[in-house]
Amino acid sequence: MSRFIITIGREFGCNASSVGRKIAAKLNVKFYEKELVEKAAKVAGMDESSIYNIDGKESKKALMQHYVNEFDYGTTSGFYNENAVEAQASVIRDLAQHESCVMFGRCADYFLSDFDNVLNVFLYAPADYRTEHVSNFYNLSVKESKKLIKKIDKLRRKWYKYATGQDREEINNRHLMINMEKFTVDEAVDIIIKTAQMKLK
């Protein structure tokens, strides 16, 4: 393939990060996740330390807040301004113009909607699957996992709506959707790569 971009949107708790990283490794391109946040923060003139602000992890409440801050771009009020949105869009579009890569979240599907060399993927799963994955991976109780999933999903919907003016559930910008309960990580990786090769050849 010539220069291409694969964007991956996801519901929290789908093991989507593993999918994205394996795709990037197999295709020998960069995987952009938190790097998109950090680059956008620099462009917007924001203090990077405010992105993942947490006062230690000595309590379960602090640990839960750490996860919230770590997983979402729009968790602090500083991101909710026009300059921050423009910075995020600028970083994503600039990368897409210069290199092949896999972009994880951050409204990349929307900001690259006028690019022809993009495959937009969305990974999802039923609530029970997501709860079990979050509980096992982050060593949380079922109750804590459900609470964290609900909070992250709410924050992501809110930020996507603010940054794009569209509902996060909107499917028109998506080319491929995979239910991660039905496929292993490796199977999902193979499906996405084969689809990218067909669409972006």
N, C-alpha and C. Protein backbone atom coordinates (compact mmCIF):
# COMPACT_ATOMS: atom_id res chain seq x y z
N MET A 1 0.84 -1.20 0.00
CA MET A 1 0.00 0.00 0.00
C MET A 1 0.87 1.24 0.00
N SER A 2 0.38 2.29 -0.64
CA SER A 2 1.05 3.58 -0.56
C SER A 2 0.69 4.19 0.79
N ARG A 3 0.87 5.50 0.96
CA ARG A 3 0.61 6.10 2.26
C ARG A 3 -0.85 5.89 2.67
N PHE A 4 -1.07 5.47 3.90
CA PHE A 4 -2.42 5.15 4.38
C PHE A 4 -2.54 5.49 5.86
N ILE A 5 -3.79 5.64 6.30
CA ILE A 5 -4.10 5.86 7.70
C ILE A 5 -5.21 4.89 8.10
N ILE A 6 -5.03 4.22 9.21
CA ILE A 6 -6.10 3.42 9.80
C ILE A 6 -6.47 4.08 11.12
N THR A 7 -7.71 4.51 11.25
CA THR A 7 -8.17 5.09 12.51
C THR A 7 -8.98 4.03 13.25
N ILE A 8 -8.84 4.01 14.56
CA ILE A 8 -9.57 3.04 15.36
C ILE A 8 -10.33 3.76 16.47
N GLY A 9 -11.65 3.74 16.34
CA GLY A 9 -12.52 4.19 17.42
C GLY A 9 -12.95 2.96 18.20
N ARG A 10 -13.41 3.14 19.43
CA ARG A 10 -13.74 1.96 20.21
C ARG A 10 -14.60 2.29 21.41
N GLU A 11 -15.30 1.29 21.87
CA GLU A 11 -15.92 1.35 23.18
C GLU A 11 -14.87 0.96 24.20
N PHE A 12 -14.91 1.56 25.35
CA PHE A 12 -13.92 1.25 26.38
C PHE A 12 -14.11 -0.19 26.87
N GLY A 13 -13.00 -0.92 26.96
CA GLY A 13 -13.04 -2.28 27.46
C GLY A 13 -13.08 -3.34 26.39
N CYS A 14 -12.75 -2.97 25.15
CA CYS A 14 -12.77 -3.92 24.03
C CYS A 14 -11.40 -4.50 23.70
N ASN A 15 -10.39 -4.15 24.47
CA ASN A 15 -9.02 -4.58 24.17
C ASN A 15 -8.56 -4.01 22.82
N ALA A 16 -9.08 -2.84 22.49
CA ALA A 16 -8.80 -2.23 21.19
C ALA A 16 -7.36 -1.77 21.05
N SER A 17 -6.75 -1.36 22.15
CA SER A 17 -5.37 -0.90 22.08
C SER A 17 -4.44 -2.01 21.59
N SER A 18 -4.68 -3.23 22.05
CA SER A 18 -3.88 -4.37 21.59
C SER A 18 -4.04 -4.58 20.10
N VAL A 19 -5.27 -4.42 19.62
CA VAL A 19 -5.53 -4.56 18.19
C VAL A 19 -4.75 -3.51 17.40
N GLY A 20 -4.85 -2.26 17.83
CA GLY A 20 -4.16 -1.18 17.13
C GLY A 20 -2.66 -1.35 17.10
N ARG A 21 -2.10 -1.72 18.23
CA ARG A 21 -0.64 -1.89 18.31
C ARG A 21 -0.16 -3.04 17.43
N LYS A 22 -0.93 -4.12 17.37
CA LYS A 22 -0.52 -5.26 16.54
C LYS A 22 -0.63 -4.92 15.05
N ILE A 23 -1.64 -4.15 14.69
CA ILE A 23 -1.76 -3.72 13.30
C ILE A 23 -0.55 -2.88 12.90
N ALA A 24 -0.21 -1.92 13.73
CA ALA A 24 0.93 -1.05 13.44
C ALA A 24 2.22 -1.86 13.34
N ALA A 25 2.40 -2.82 14.23
CA ALA A 25 3.61 -3.64 14.21
C ALA A 25 3.69 -4.47 12.94
N LYS A 26 2.56 -5.06 12.54
CA LYS A 26 2.55 -5.90 11.34
C LYS A 26 2.79 -5.09 10.08
N LEU A 27 2.29 -3.87 10.06
CA LEU A 27 2.45 -3.01 8.88
C LEU A 27 3.69 -2.12 8.96
N ASN A 28 4.40 -2.22 10.10
CA ASN A 28 5.64 -1.47 10.30
C ASN A 28 5.43 0.03 10.19
N VAL A 29 4.39 0.51 10.87
CA VAL A 29 4.10 1.95 10.92
C VAL A 29 3.92 2.35 12.38
N LYS A 30 3.85 3.64 12.63
CA LYS A 30 3.69 4.13 13.99
C LYS A 30 2.25 3.98 14.48
N PHE A 31 2.12 3.78 15.78
CA PHE A 31 0.83 3.73 16.43
C PHE A 31 0.69 4.96 17.31
N TYR A 32 -0.26 5.83 16.99
CA TYR A 32 -0.44 7.07 17.74
C TYR A 32 -1.65 6.95 18.65
N GLU A 33 -1.40 7.08 19.94
CA GLU A 33 -2.46 7.04 20.94
C GLU A 33 -2.33 8.28 21.82
N LYS A 34 -1.63 8.17 22.92
CA LYS A 34 -1.43 9.32 23.80
C LYS A 34 -0.57 10.39 23.12
N GLU A 35 0.24 9.95 22.15
CA GLU A 35 1.09 10.92 21.45
C GLU A 35 0.25 12.00 20.77
N LEU A 36 -0.93 11.64 20.27
CA LEU A 36 -1.81 12.63 19.64
C LEU A 36 -2.26 13.67 20.65
N VAL A 37 -2.54 13.22 21.86
CA VAL A 37 -2.94 14.13 22.94
C VAL A 37 -1.80 15.08 23.26
N GLU A 38 -0.62 14.53 23.42
CA GLU A 38 0.53 15.34 23.84
C GLU A 38 0.93 16.34 22.75
N LYS A 39 0.90 15.91 21.48
CA LYS A 39 1.22 16.82 20.39
C LYS A 39 0.20 17.94 20.30
N ALA A 40 -1.08 17.59 20.45
CA ALA A 40 -2.14 18.61 20.38
C ALA A 40 -2.02 19.58 21.54
N ALA A 41 -1.67 19.08 22.72
CA ALA A 41 -1.52 19.96 23.88
C ALA A 41 -0.42 20.98 23.64
N LYS A 42 0.68 20.53 23.03
CA LYS A 42 1.78 21.45 22.74
C LYS A 42 1.34 22.52 21.75
N VAL A 43 0.63 22.09 20.69
CA VAL A 43 0.16 23.05 19.69
C VAL A 43 -0.79 24.06 20.30
N ALA A 44 -1.64 23.57 21.23
CA ALA A 44 -2.63 24.45 21.86
C ALA A 44 -2.04 25.29 22.98
N GLY A 45 -0.76 25.04 23.31
CA GLY A 45 -0.13 25.79 24.38
C GLY A 45 -0.58 25.38 25.76
N MET A 46 -1.01 24.11 25.89
CA MET A 46 -1.49 23.61 27.17
C MET A 46 -0.35 22.95 27.93
N ASP A 47 -0.45 22.95 29.23
CA ASP A 47 0.51 22.29 30.09
C ASP A 47 0.28 20.79 30.01
N GLU A 48 1.26 20.04 29.53
CA GLU A 48 1.09 18.60 29.37
C GLU A 48 0.78 17.91 30.69
N SER A 49 1.27 18.44 31.79
CA SER A 49 1.03 17.80 33.08
C SER A 49 -0.44 17.81 33.46
N SER A 50 -1.21 18.71 32.85
CA SER A 50 -2.63 18.78 33.17
C SER A 50 -3.43 17.71 32.47
N ILE A 51 -2.81 17.06 31.48
CA ILE A 51 -3.53 16.04 30.72
C ILE A 51 -3.87 14.84 31.59
N TYR A 52 -2.88 14.38 32.34
CA TYR A 52 -3.08 13.20 33.16
C TYR A 52 -2.91 13.57 34.64
N ASN A 53 -3.59 14.60 35.05
CA ASN A 53 -3.43 15.11 36.41
C ASN A 53 -3.98 14.12 37.44
N ILE A 54 -3.12 13.70 38.35
CA ILE A 54 -3.56 12.80 39.41
C ILE A 54 -2.65 12.98 40.62
N ASP A 55 -3.23 13.08 41.79
CA ASP A 55 -2.45 13.25 43.02
C ASP A 55 -2.19 11.90 43.66
N GLY A 56 -1.32 11.12 43.02
CA GLY A 56 -0.97 9.81 43.55
C GLY A 56 -2.03 8.77 43.30
N LYS A 57 -1.74 7.52 43.71
CA LYS A 57 -2.67 6.42 43.50
C LYS A 57 -2.90 5.67 44.81
N GLU A 58 -2.83 6.38 45.92
CA GLU A 58 -2.87 5.71 47.21
C GLU A 58 -4.26 5.21 47.57
N SER A 59 -5.28 5.69 46.90
CA SER A 59 -6.63 5.25 47.21
C SER A 59 -7.30 4.72 45.95
N LYS A 60 -8.35 3.91 46.15
CA LYS A 60 -9.10 3.38 45.01
C LYS A 60 -9.74 4.51 44.22
N LYS A 61 -10.22 5.53 44.90
CA LYS A 61 -10.83 6.66 44.22
C LYS A 61 -9.81 7.36 43.33
N ALA A 62 -8.60 7.54 43.85
CA ALA A 62 -7.55 8.19 43.06
C ALA A 62 -7.15 7.33 41.88
N LEU A 63 -7.11 6.01 42.09
CA LEU A 63 -6.77 5.11 41.00
C LEU A 63 -7.82 5.16 39.90
N MET A 64 -9.09 5.18 40.27
CA MET A 64 -10.16 5.28 39.28
C MET A 64 -10.05 6.58 38.51
N GLN A 65 -9.74 7.68 39.20
CA GLN A 65 -9.60 8.96 38.51
C GLN A 65 -8.39 8.95 37.59
N HIS A 66 -7.35 8.24 37.99
CA HIS A 66 -6.17 8.10 37.13
C HIS A 66 -6.55 7.43 35.82
N TYR A 67 -7.35 6.37 35.90
CA TYR A 67 -7.78 5.69 34.68
C TYR A 67 -8.62 6.61 33.81
N VAL A 68 -9.50 7.38 34.42
CA VAL A 68 -10.33 8.32 33.66
C VAL A 68 -9.45 9.32 32.93
N ASN A 69 -8.49 9.91 33.64
CA ASN A 69 -7.61 10.91 33.03
C ASN A 69 -6.75 10.30 31.93
N GLU A 70 -6.33 9.07 32.12
CA GLU A 70 -5.43 8.44 31.17
C GLU A 70 -6.13 8.07 29.87
N PHE A 71 -7.40 7.73 29.94
CA PHE A 71 -8.06 7.17 28.78
C PHE A 71 -8.77 8.19 27.90
N ASP A 72 -8.92 9.41 28.32
CA ASP A 72 -9.74 10.32 27.52
C ASP A 72 -9.11 11.68 27.34
N TYR A 73 -9.16 12.17 26.10
CA TYR A 73 -8.57 13.47 25.75
C TYR A 73 -9.31 14.62 26.42
N GLY A 74 -10.62 14.53 26.54
CA GLY A 74 -11.41 15.65 27.00
C GLY A 74 -11.84 15.58 28.45
N THR A 75 -10.98 15.04 29.31
CA THR A 75 -11.38 14.89 30.71
C THR A 75 -11.22 16.15 31.52
N THR A 76 -10.43 17.09 31.06
CA THR A 76 -10.26 18.35 31.79
C THR A 76 -10.89 19.49 31.02
N SER A 77 -11.33 20.50 31.75
CA SER A 77 -12.05 21.61 31.12
C SER A 77 -11.19 22.38 30.13
N GLY A 78 -9.86 22.30 30.29
CA GLY A 78 -8.97 23.03 29.40
C GLY A 78 -9.08 22.61 27.95
N PHE A 79 -9.54 21.39 27.71
CA PHE A 79 -9.66 20.90 26.34
C PHE A 79 -10.91 21.45 25.65
N TYR A 80 -11.86 21.95 26.44
CA TYR A 80 -13.12 22.38 25.86
C TYR A 80 -13.05 23.83 25.43
N ASN A 81 -12.24 24.06 24.41
CA ASN A 81 -12.18 25.38 23.79
C ASN A 81 -11.78 25.19 22.32
N GLU A 82 -12.07 26.18 21.53
CA GLU A 82 -11.86 26.09 20.08
C GLU A 82 -10.40 25.85 19.73
N ASN A 83 -9.51 26.46 20.49
CA ASN A 83 -8.08 26.31 20.22
C ASN A 83 -7.64 24.86 20.38
N ALA A 84 -8.14 24.18 21.40
CA ALA A 84 -7.78 22.79 21.65
C ALA A 84 -8.29 21.88 20.54
N VAL A 85 -9.51 22.12 20.09
CA VAL A 85 -10.08 21.32 19.00
C VAL A 85 -9.29 21.53 17.71
N GLU A 86 -8.97 22.78 17.40
CA GLU A 86 -8.20 23.08 16.20
C GLU A 86 -6.80 22.45 16.26
N ALA A 87 -6.21 22.44 17.45
CA ALA A 87 -4.90 21.85 17.62
C ALA A 87 -4.95 20.35 17.38
N GLN A 88 -5.97 19.70 17.90
CA GLN A 88 -6.11 18.27 17.70
C GLN A 88 -6.29 17.95 16.23
N ALA A 89 -7.16 18.69 15.56
CA ALA A 89 -7.40 18.47 14.13
C ALA A 89 -6.12 18.71 13.33
N SER A 90 -5.39 19.75 13.67
CA SER A 90 -4.16 20.10 12.94
C SER A 90 -3.12 19.01 13.06
N VAL A 91 -2.93 18.49 14.27
CA VAL A 91 -1.94 17.44 14.50
C VAL A 91 -2.30 16.18 13.70
N ILE A 92 -3.56 15.78 13.76
CA ILE A 92 -4.01 14.56 13.09
C ILE A 92 -3.88 14.71 11.57
N ARG A 93 -4.30 15.83 11.03
CA ARG A 93 -4.24 16.03 9.58
C ARG A 93 -2.80 16.16 9.09
N ASP A 94 -1.95 16.79 9.88
CA ASP A 94 -0.55 16.93 9.48
C ASP A 94 0.13 15.57 9.43
N LEU A 95 -0.10 14.73 10.41
CA LEU A 95 0.48 13.39 10.40
C LEU A 95 -0.02 12.60 9.20
N ALA A 96 -1.31 12.71 8.91
CA ALA A 96 -1.90 11.96 7.79
C ALA A 96 -1.32 12.38 6.44
N GLN A 97 -0.86 13.61 6.35
CA GLN A 97 -0.30 14.10 5.10
C GLN A 97 1.15 13.69 4.89
N HIS A 98 1.78 13.16 5.93
CA HIS A 98 3.22 12.91 5.83
C HIS A 98 3.65 11.47 6.09
N GLU A 99 2.78 10.64 6.66
CA GLU A 99 3.22 9.28 6.95
C GLU A 99 2.04 8.32 7.06
N SER A 100 2.31 7.05 6.87
CA SER A 100 1.33 6.00 7.14
C SER A 100 1.37 5.71 8.64
N CYS A 101 0.21 5.46 9.21
CA CYS A 101 0.17 5.18 10.65
C CYS A 101 -1.19 4.65 11.06
N VAL A 102 -1.26 4.22 12.31
CA VAL A 102 -2.53 3.84 12.94
C VAL A 102 -2.83 4.86 14.01
N MET A 103 -4.01 5.48 13.94
CA MET A 103 -4.41 6.49 14.92
C MET A 103 -5.53 5.94 15.78
N PHE A 104 -5.37 6.13 17.09
CA PHE A 104 -6.28 5.54 18.06
C PHE A 104 -7.15 6.62 18.69
N GLY A 105 -8.44 6.62 18.34
CA GLY A 105 -9.38 7.56 18.95
C GLY A 105 -9.13 9.00 18.53
N ARG A 106 -9.44 9.93 19.43
CA ARG A 106 -9.20 11.36 19.26
C ARG A 106 -9.91 11.97 18.05
N CYS A 107 -11.08 11.41 17.69
CA CYS A 107 -11.91 11.96 16.61
C CYS A 107 -11.20 11.93 15.26
N ALA A 108 -10.21 11.06 15.11
CA ALA A 108 -9.45 11.03 13.86
C ALA A 108 -10.33 10.69 12.67
N ASP A 109 -11.34 9.86 12.87
CA ASP A 109 -12.23 9.51 11.76
C ASP A 109 -12.92 10.76 11.20
N TYR A 110 -13.31 11.66 12.09
CA TYR A 110 -13.99 12.89 11.67
C TYR A 110 -13.02 13.86 11.02
N PHE A 111 -11.88 14.08 11.65
CA PHE A 111 -10.93 15.07 11.15
C PHE A 111 -10.30 14.65 9.81
N LEU A 112 -10.36 13.37 9.49
CA LEU A 112 -9.81 12.88 8.22
C LEU A 112 -10.90 12.44 7.25
N SER A 113 -12.10 12.94 7.45
CA SER A 113 -13.24 12.49 6.64
C SER A 113 -13.10 12.85 5.17
N ASP A 114 -12.27 13.83 4.84
CA ASP A 114 -12.09 14.20 3.43
C ASP A 114 -10.83 13.59 2.83
N PHE A 115 -10.16 12.70 3.56
CA PHE A 115 -8.99 12.00 3.05
C PHE A 115 -9.43 10.69 2.39
N ASP A 116 -8.87 10.39 1.22
CA ASP A 116 -9.23 9.16 0.52
C ASP A 116 -8.47 7.94 1.01
N ASN A 117 -7.32 8.16 1.61
CA ASN A 117 -6.45 7.04 1.97
C ASN A 117 -6.61 6.62 3.43
N VAL A 118 -7.86 6.61 3.90
CA VAL A 118 -8.14 6.33 5.31
C VAL A 118 -9.15 5.19 5.43
N LEU A 119 -8.88 4.29 6.38
CA LEU A 119 -9.85 3.26 6.76
C LEU A 119 -10.25 3.53 8.20
N ASN A 120 -11.53 3.79 8.42
CA ASN A 120 -12.05 4.06 9.75
C ASN A 120 -12.68 2.81 10.34
N VAL A 121 -12.11 2.35 11.44
CA VAL A 121 -12.57 1.13 12.10
C VAL A 121 -13.17 1.48 13.45
N PHE A 122 -14.21 0.76 13.84
CA PHE A 122 -14.79 0.94 15.18
C PHE A 122 -14.95 -0.43 15.82
N LEU A 123 -14.40 -0.58 17.03
CA LEU A 123 -14.46 -1.83 17.78
C LEU A 123 -15.43 -1.68 18.95
N TYR A 124 -16.27 -2.68 19.13
CA TYR A 124 -17.26 -2.62 20.20
C TYR A 124 -17.48 -4.03 20.75
N ALA A 125 -18.24 -4.13 21.83
CA ALA A 125 -18.55 -5.42 22.43
C ALA A 125 -19.69 -5.26 23.42
N PRO A 126 -20.39 -6.34 23.72
CA PRO A 126 -21.46 -6.28 24.72
C PRO A 126 -20.93 -5.89 26.10
N ALA A 127 -21.81 -5.42 26.94
CA ALA A 127 -21.42 -4.92 28.26
C ALA A 127 -20.71 -5.97 29.10
N ASP A 128 -21.19 -7.20 29.08
CA ASP A 128 -20.59 -8.25 29.91
C ASP A 128 -19.15 -8.53 29.51
N TYR A 129 -18.88 -8.53 28.21
CA TYR A 129 -17.53 -8.75 27.72
C TYR A 129 -16.60 -7.63 28.18
N ARG A 130 -17.07 -6.41 28.04
CA ARG A 130 -16.26 -5.25 28.40
C ARG A 130 -16.00 -5.23 29.90
N THR A 131 -17.02 -5.53 30.68
CA THR A 131 -16.87 -5.54 32.14
C THR A 131 -15.83 -6.57 32.57
N GLU A 132 -15.91 -7.76 31.98
CA GLU A 132 -14.97 -8.82 32.34
C GLU A 132 -13.54 -8.43 31.97
N HIS A 133 -13.37 -7.84 30.78
CA HIS A 133 -12.03 -7.44 30.35
C HIS A 133 -11.45 -6.36 31.27
N VAL A 134 -12.22 -5.34 31.56
CA VAL A 134 -11.75 -4.25 32.42
C VAL A 134 -11.45 -4.77 33.82
N SER A 135 -12.31 -5.63 34.33
CA SER A 135 -12.12 -6.18 35.67
C SER A 135 -10.82 -6.98 35.76
N ASN A 136 -10.56 -7.81 34.75
CA ASN A 136 -9.36 -8.64 34.76
C ASN A 136 -8.10 -7.83 34.48
N PHE A 137 -8.18 -6.93 33.51
CA PHE A 137 -6.99 -6.20 33.08
C PHE A 137 -6.55 -5.17 34.11
N TYR A 138 -7.49 -4.50 34.75
CA TYR A 138 -7.16 -3.43 35.69
C TYR A 138 -7.36 -3.83 37.15
N ASN A 139 -7.65 -5.10 37.36
CA ASN A 139 -7.80 -5.62 38.73
C ASN A 139 -8.83 -4.84 39.52
N LEU A 140 -10.00 -4.66 38.92
CA LEU A 140 -11.11 -3.96 39.56
C LEU A 140 -12.26 -4.93 39.79
N SER A 141 -13.12 -4.60 40.74
CA SER A 141 -14.31 -5.42 40.95
C SER A 141 -15.28 -5.20 39.79
N VAL A 142 -16.25 -6.08 39.69
CA VAL A 142 -17.27 -5.94 38.63
C VAL A 142 -17.99 -4.60 38.77
N LYS A 143 -18.32 -4.24 40.00
CA LYS A 143 -19.01 -2.96 40.24
C LYS A 143 -18.14 -1.79 39.82
N GLU A 144 -16.87 -1.82 40.19
CA GLU A 144 -15.95 -0.74 39.82
C GLU A 144 -15.75 -0.67 38.32
N SER A 145 -15.68 -1.83 37.68
CA SER A 145 -15.48 -1.88 36.23
C SER A 145 -16.67 -1.27 35.50
N LYS A 146 -17.87 -1.62 35.94
CA LYS A 146 -19.08 -1.07 35.31
C LYS A 146 -19.13 0.45 35.48
N LYS A 147 -18.75 0.91 36.65
CA LYS A 147 -18.74 2.35 36.92
C LYS A 147 -17.73 3.07 36.04
N LEU A 148 -16.54 2.47 35.90
CA LEU A 148 -15.50 3.09 35.08
C LEU A 148 -15.90 3.11 33.61
N ILE A 149 -16.45 2.02 33.11
CA ILE A 149 -16.90 1.94 31.72
C ILE A 149 -17.96 3.01 31.44
N LYS A 150 -18.92 3.12 32.34
CA LYS A 150 -19.99 4.10 32.18
C LYS A 150 -19.43 5.52 32.12
N LYS A 151 -18.46 5.81 33.00
CA LYS A 151 -17.89 7.16 33.06
C LYS A 151 -17.06 7.47 31.82
N ILE A 152 -16.21 6.51 31.40
CA ILE A 152 -15.38 6.73 30.22
C ILE A 152 -16.24 6.91 28.98
N ASP A 153 -17.24 6.06 28.82
CA ASP A 153 -18.14 6.17 27.66
C ASP A 153 -18.83 7.53 27.63
N LYS A 154 -19.28 7.99 28.78
CA LYS A 154 -19.95 9.29 28.86
C LYS A 154 -19.01 10.42 28.47
N LEU A 155 -17.78 10.39 28.98
CA LEU A 155 -16.80 11.43 28.67
C LEU A 155 -16.44 11.44 27.19
N ARG A 156 -16.28 10.26 26.62
CA ARG A 156 -15.93 10.18 25.20
C ARG A 156 -17.06 10.68 24.31
N ARG A 157 -18.29 10.34 24.66
CA ARG A 157 -19.43 10.84 23.89
C ARG A 157 -19.50 12.36 23.97
N LYS A 158 -19.29 12.88 25.17
CA LYS A 158 -19.35 14.33 25.38
C LYS A 158 -18.27 15.04 24.58
N TRP A 159 -17.03 14.52 24.64
CA TRP A 159 -15.93 15.16 23.92
C TRP A 159 -16.12 15.06 22.41
N TYR A 160 -16.54 13.91 21.91
CA TYR A 160 -16.74 13.73 20.47
C TYR A 160 -17.80 14.71 19.97
N LYS A 161 -18.86 14.86 20.73
CA LYS A 161 -19.93 15.79 20.35
C LYS A 161 -19.41 17.22 20.32
N TYR A 162 -18.61 17.58 21.33
CA TYR A 162 -18.08 18.94 21.39
C TYR A 162 -17.11 19.20 20.24
N ALA A 163 -16.22 18.25 19.96
CA ALA A 163 -15.17 18.46 18.96
C ALA A 163 -15.68 18.37 17.54
N THR A 164 -16.72 17.55 17.31
CA THR A 164 -17.15 17.30 15.93
C THR A 164 -18.56 17.79 15.62
N GLY A 165 -19.37 18.01 16.65
CA GLY A 165 -20.76 18.38 16.42
C GLY A 165 -21.63 17.19 16.08
N GLN A 166 -21.05 15.99 16.11
CA GLN A 166 -21.78 14.78 15.77
C GLN A 166 -21.85 13.85 16.98
N ASP A 167 -22.82 12.94 16.95
CA ASP A 167 -22.92 11.93 17.99
C ASP A 167 -21.86 10.86 17.75
N ARG A 168 -21.27 10.36 18.81
CA ARG A 168 -20.23 9.34 18.69
C ARG A 168 -20.78 8.05 18.09
N GLU A 169 -22.07 7.84 18.21
CA GLU A 169 -22.70 6.63 17.66
C GLU A 169 -22.95 6.74 16.16
N GLU A 170 -22.71 7.92 15.58
CA GLU A 170 -22.89 8.11 14.14
C GLU A 170 -21.99 7.15 13.37
N ILE A 171 -22.58 6.40 12.43
CA ILE A 171 -21.80 5.37 11.73
C ILE A 171 -21.36 5.76 10.33
N ASN A 172 -21.78 6.91 9.84
CA ASN A 172 -21.49 7.26 8.45
C ASN A 172 -20.01 7.44 8.17
N ASN A 173 -19.22 7.81 9.18
CA ASN A 173 -17.78 7.97 8.97
C ASN A 173 -17.00 6.67 9.13
N ARG A 174 -17.70 5.58 9.46
CA ARG A 174 -17.03 4.32 9.74
C ARG A 174 -17.15 3.36 8.56
N HIS A 175 -16.04 2.67 8.28
CA HIS A 175 -16.01 1.75 7.15
C HIS A 175 -16.10 0.29 7.59
N LEU A 176 -15.67 0.02 8.81
CA LEU A 176 -15.63 -1.36 9.30
C LEU A 176 -15.89 -1.36 10.81
N MET A 177 -16.84 -2.18 11.24
CA MET A 177 -17.16 -2.30 12.66
C MET A 177 -17.02 -3.77 13.06
N ILE A 178 -16.36 -4.03 14.18
CA ILE A 178 -16.09 -5.40 14.61
C ILE A 178 -16.54 -5.59 16.06
N ASN A 179 -17.32 -6.63 16.28
CA ASN A 179 -17.72 -7.02 17.63
C ASN A 179 -16.62 -7.88 18.21
N MET A 180 -15.88 -7.33 19.18
CA MET A 180 -14.71 -8.01 19.71
C MET A 180 -15.05 -9.24 20.56
N GLU A 181 -16.32 -9.44 20.88
CA GLU A 181 -16.70 -10.67 21.57
C GLU A 181 -16.63 -11.86 20.61
N LYS A 182 -16.75 -11.59 19.32
CA LYS A 182 -16.82 -12.67 18.33
C LYS A 182 -15.48 -13.00 17.69
N PHE A 183 -14.46 -12.19 17.94
CA PHE A 183 -13.17 -12.39 17.30
C PHE A 183 -12.04 -12.23 18.32
N THR A 184 -10.97 -12.99 18.14
CA THR A 184 -9.78 -12.77 18.96
C THR A 184 -9.08 -11.51 18.48
N VAL A 185 -8.12 -11.05 19.25
CA VAL A 185 -7.34 -9.88 18.83
C VAL A 185 -6.66 -10.15 17.50
N ASP A 186 -6.04 -11.30 17.35
CA ASP A 186 -5.33 -11.62 16.11
C ASP A 186 -6.28 -11.71 14.92
N GLU A 187 -7.47 -12.26 15.14
CA GLU A 187 -8.46 -12.33 14.06
C GLU A 187 -8.91 -10.93 13.63
N ALA A 188 -9.15 -10.07 14.62
CA ALA A 188 -9.55 -8.69 14.30
C ALA A 188 -8.44 -7.97 13.54
N VAL A 189 -7.20 -8.19 13.96
CA VAL A 189 -6.05 -7.58 13.27
C VAL A 189 -6.02 -8.03 11.80
N ASP A 190 -6.19 -9.31 11.56
CA ASP A 190 -6.15 -9.83 10.19
C ASP A 190 -7.28 -9.26 9.35
N ILE A 191 -8.48 -9.17 9.94
CA ILE A 191 -9.63 -8.61 9.21
C ILE A 191 -9.36 -7.17 8.80
N ILE A 192 -8.85 -6.39 9.73
CA ILE A 192 -8.61 -4.96 9.47
C ILE A 192 -7.52 -4.78 8.42
N ILE A 193 -6.44 -5.53 8.53
CA ILE A 193 -5.35 -5.40 7.56
C ILE A 193 -5.82 -5.81 6.17
N LYS A 194 -6.55 -6.91 6.06
CA LYS A 194 -7.04 -7.36 4.76
C LYS A 194 -8.02 -6.34 4.15
N THR A 195 -8.86 -5.76 5.01
CA THR A 195 -9.78 -4.74 4.53
C THR A 195 -9.02 -3.51 4.07
N ALA A 196 -8.02 -3.11 4.82
CA ALA A 196 -7.19 -1.95 4.44
C ALA A 196 -6.49 -2.19 3.10
N GLN A 197 -5.99 -3.38 2.92
CA GLN A 197 -5.31 -3.71 1.67
C GLN A 197 -6.25 -3.65 0.48
N MET A 198 -7.50 -4.05 0.68
CA MET A 198 -8.50 -3.97 -0.40
C MET A 198 -8.92 -2.53 -0.67
N LYS A 199 -9.21 -1.79 0.39
CA LYS A 199 -9.73 -0.44 0.23
C LYS A 199 -8.65 0.57 -0.17
N LEU A 200 -7.44 0.39 0.36
CA LEU A 200 -6.40 1.40 0.19
C LEU A 200 -5.30 0.97 -0.77
N LYS A 201 -5.57 -0.03 -1.59
CA LYS A 201 -4.52 -0.52 -2.50
C LYS A 201 -4.17 0.52 -3.52
